[in-house]
C-alpha atoms as a PDB file:
ATOM      1  CA  MET A   1     -77.937 241.780 -31.600  1.00  0.00           C
ATOM      2  CA  TRP A   2     -77.763 239.160 -34.607  1.00  0.00           C
ATOM      3  CA  ARG A   3     -75.000 240.726 -36.466  1.00  0.00           C
ATOM      4  CA  ALA A   4     -72.156 239.989 -33.696  1.00  0.00           C
ATOM      5  CA  ARG A   5     -73.309 236.407 -32.932  1.00  0.00           C
ATOM      6  CA  GLY A   6     -74.247 235.714 -37.031  1.00  0.00           C
ATOM      7  CA  LEU A   7     -70.930 236.826 -37.473  1.00  0.00           C
ATOM      8  CA  ALA A   8     -69.189 234.629 -35.354  1.00  0.00           C
ATOM      9  CA  LEU A   9     -71.673 231.677 -36.013  1.00  0.00           C
ATOM     10  CA  ALA A  10     -70.719 232.328 -39.622  1.00  0.00           C
ATOM     11  CA  ALA A  11     -67.038 232.333 -39.497  1.00  0.00           C
ATOM     12  CA  VAL A  12     -67.445 228.851 -37.159  1.00  0.00           C
ATOM     13  CA  LEU A  13     -69.608 227.331 -40.069  1.00  0.00           C
ATOM     14  CA  GLY A  14     -67.397 228.920 -42.370  1.00  0.00           C
ATOM     15  CA  VAL A  15     -70.554 230.613 -43.926  1.00  0.00           C
ATOM     16  CA  PRO A  16     -70.308 234.200 -45.083  1.00  0.00           C
ATOM     17  CA  LEU A  17     -72.991 236.540 -44.454  1.00  0.00           C
ATOM     18  CA  SER A  18     -73.233 239.021 -47.474  1.00  0.00           C
ATOM     19  CA  GLY A  19     -75.396 241.764 -48.799  1.00  0.00           C
ATOM     20  CA  PRO A  20     -78.485 242.980 -46.655  1.00  0.00           C
ATOM     21  CA  ALA A  21     -77.998 240.143 -44.010  1.00  0.00           C
ATOM     22  CA  ALA A  22     -74.314 241.398 -43.172  1.00  0.00           C
ATOM     23  CA  GLY A  23     -75.742 244.688 -42.055  1.00  0.00           C
ATOM     24  CA  ALA A  24     -79.044 243.502 -40.763  1.00  0.00           C
ATOM     25  CA  THR A  25     -79.747 244.504 -37.177  1.00  0.00           C
ATOM     26  CA  LEU A  26     -82.072 241.781 -36.341  1.00  0.00           C
ATOM     27  CA  ASN A  27     -82.444 240.520 -32.995  1.00  0.00           C
ATOM     28  CA  VAL A  28     -80.993 237.067 -31.953  1.00  0.00           C
ATOM     29  CA  ASP A  29     -84.415 236.264 -30.426  1.00  0.00           C
ATOM     30  CA  GLU A  30     -86.011 236.919 -33.569  1.00  0.00           C
ATOM     31  CA  ILE A  31     -83.951 234.441 -35.553  1.00  0.00           C
ATOM     32  CA  GLU A  32     -83.638 231.684 -32.708  1.00  0.00           C
ATOM     33  CA  LYS A  33     -87.520 231.782 -32.534  1.00  0.00           C
ATOM     34  CA  ALA A  34     -88.030 231.754 -36.356  1.00  0.00           C
ATOM     35  CA  ASP A  35     -90.342 229.163 -37.434  1.00  0.00           C
ATOM     36  CA  PHE A  36     -91.761 227.758 -40.770  1.00  0.00           C
ATOM     37  CA  SER A  37     -95.757 228.897 -40.808  1.00  0.00           C
ATOM     38  CA  GLY A  38     -96.465 227.519 -44.064  1.00  0.00           C
ATOM     39  CA  ALA A  39     -96.171 230.424 -45.891  1.00  0.00           C
ATOM     40  CA  THR A  40     -93.944 230.902 -48.847  1.00  0.00           C
ATOM     41  CA  LEU A  41     -90.652 232.958 -48.016  1.00  0.00           C
ATOM     42  CA  PRO A  42     -90.468 236.524 -49.459  1.00  0.00           C
ATOM     43  CA  ALA A  43     -87.301 236.533 -51.903  1.00  0.00           C
ATOM     44  CA  ASP A  44     -87.270 240.504 -51.905  1.00  0.00           C
ATOM     45  CA  ARG A  45     -86.449 241.237 -48.149  1.00  0.00           C
ATOM     46  CA  VAL A  46     -84.502 239.834 -45.418  1.00  0.00           C
ATOM     47  CA  THR A  47     -86.514 237.463 -42.744  1.00  0.00           C
ATOM     48  CA  PRO A  48     -85.300 235.893 -39.628  1.00  0.00           C
ATOM     49  CA  LEU A  49     -85.945 232.693 -41.230  1.00  0.00           C
ATOM     50  CA  ALA A  50     -83.993 233.128 -44.249  1.00  0.00           C
ATOM     51  CA  ILE A  51     -81.184 233.378 -42.243  1.00  0.00           C
ATOM     52  CA  LYS A  52     -81.895 230.721 -39.821  1.00  0.00           C
ATOM     53  CA  LEU A  53     -82.500 228.131 -42.785  1.00  0.00           C
ATOM     54  CA  PRO A  54     -79.277 228.265 -44.292  1.00  0.00           C
ATOM     55  CA  VAL A  55     -77.289 228.407 -41.198  1.00  0.00           C
ATOM     56  CA  LEU A  56     -79.235 225.020 -40.059  1.00  0.00           C
ATOM     57  CA  LEU A  57     -78.674 223.643 -43.899  1.00  0.00           C
ATOM     58  CA  ALA A  58     -74.855 224.278 -43.644  1.00  0.00           C
ATOM     59  CA  GLY A  59     -74.748 222.744 -40.086  1.00  0.00           C
ATOM     60  CA  SER A  60     -76.128 219.659 -42.017  1.00  0.00           C
ATOM     61  CA  GLY A  61     -73.781 219.483 -44.596  1.00  0.00           C
ATOM     62  CA  PHE A  62     -75.974 221.677 -47.274  1.00  0.00           C
ATOM     63  CA  SER A  63     -74.224 224.888 -47.204  1.00  0.00           C
ATOM     64  CA  LEU A  64     -75.684 227.311 -50.111  1.00  0.00           C
ATOM     65  CA  GLY A  65     -72.838 229.657 -49.865  1.00  0.00           C
ATOM     66  CA  GLU A  66     -73.171 233.348 -48.538  1.00  0.00           C
ATOM     67  CA  ILE A  67     -75.918 233.720 -46.340  1.00  0.00           C
ATOM     68  CA  ASP A  68     -77.919 237.023 -47.661  1.00  0.00           C
ATOM     69  CA  GLY A  69     -81.033 236.893 -45.548  1.00  0.00           C
ATOM     70  CA  HIS A  70     -83.200 236.077 -48.748  1.00  0.00           C
ATOM     71  CA  TYR A  71     -84.990 232.891 -49.841  1.00  0.00           C
ATOM     72  CA  GLY A  72     -83.556 232.486 -53.218  1.00  0.00           C
ATOM     73  CA  GLU A  73     -82.608 229.821 -55.855  1.00  0.00           C
ATOM     74  CA  ASN A  74     -79.457 228.836 -53.612  1.00  0.00           C
ATOM     75  CA  ALA A  75     -81.709 228.147 -50.462  1.00  0.00           C
ATOM     76  CA  GLN A  76     -84.474 226.519 -52.572  1.00  0.00           C
ATOM     77  CA  LYS A  77     -81.884 223.986 -54.056  1.00  0.00           C
ATOM     78  CA  ALA A  78     -79.961 223.540 -50.608  1.00  0.00           C
ATOM     79  CA  LEU A  79     -83.051 222.818 -49.296  1.00  0.00           C
ATOM     80  CA  ARG A  80     -84.228 220.483 -51.900  1.00  0.00           C
ATOM     81  CA  ALA A  81     -81.047 218.718 -51.695  1.00  0.00           C
ATOM     82  CA  PHE A  82     -81.211 218.040 -47.878  1.00  0.00           C
ATOM     83  CA  ALA A  83     -84.897 216.753 -48.397  1.00  0.00           C
ATOM     84  CA  ASP A  84     -84.149 214.525 -51.184  1.00  0.00           C
ATOM     85  CA  ALA A  85     -81.065 213.312 -49.187  1.00  0.00           C
ATOM     86  CA  SER A  86     -83.304 212.869 -45.509  1.00  0.00           C
ATOM     87  CA  GLY A  87     -86.379 211.125 -47.877  1.00  0.00           C
ATOM     88  CA  LEU A  88     -88.512 214.250 -46.777  1.00  0.00           C
ATOM     89  CA  GLY A  89     -88.966 215.117 -50.688  1.00  0.00           C
ATOM     90  CA  GLY A  90     -92.671 216.004 -51.792  1.00  0.00           C
ATOM     91  CA  PRO A  91     -94.375 218.170 -53.921  1.00  0.00           C
ATOM     92  CA  ALA A  92     -94.459 221.347 -51.360  1.00  0.00           C
ATOM     93  CA  VAL A  93     -90.415 220.749 -50.857  1.00  0.00           C
ATOM     94  CA  HIS A  94     -90.292 220.372 -54.950  1.00  0.00           C
ATOM     95  CA  ALA A  95     -92.261 223.507 -55.808  1.00  0.00           C
END
């Protein structure tokens, strides 16, 4: 289950899981297969992509702090910073 691997991964990256993500029982396969579909991520519920995104960003040096499983303001700021630093900025990223 994601909880065990997620806690271990977060410890290795130094990124704590908090809130709903800490107690989530998402399947590891759901997290690993999560892919951006072009739709806006919901900020009001835990999603596999909203857990995967901050882990990937933290691994690239753009930590957003605690991983709560929501696509909130900190996740959006970290994604924009990554996109800007990578030359990937654009209207979709800065919306």
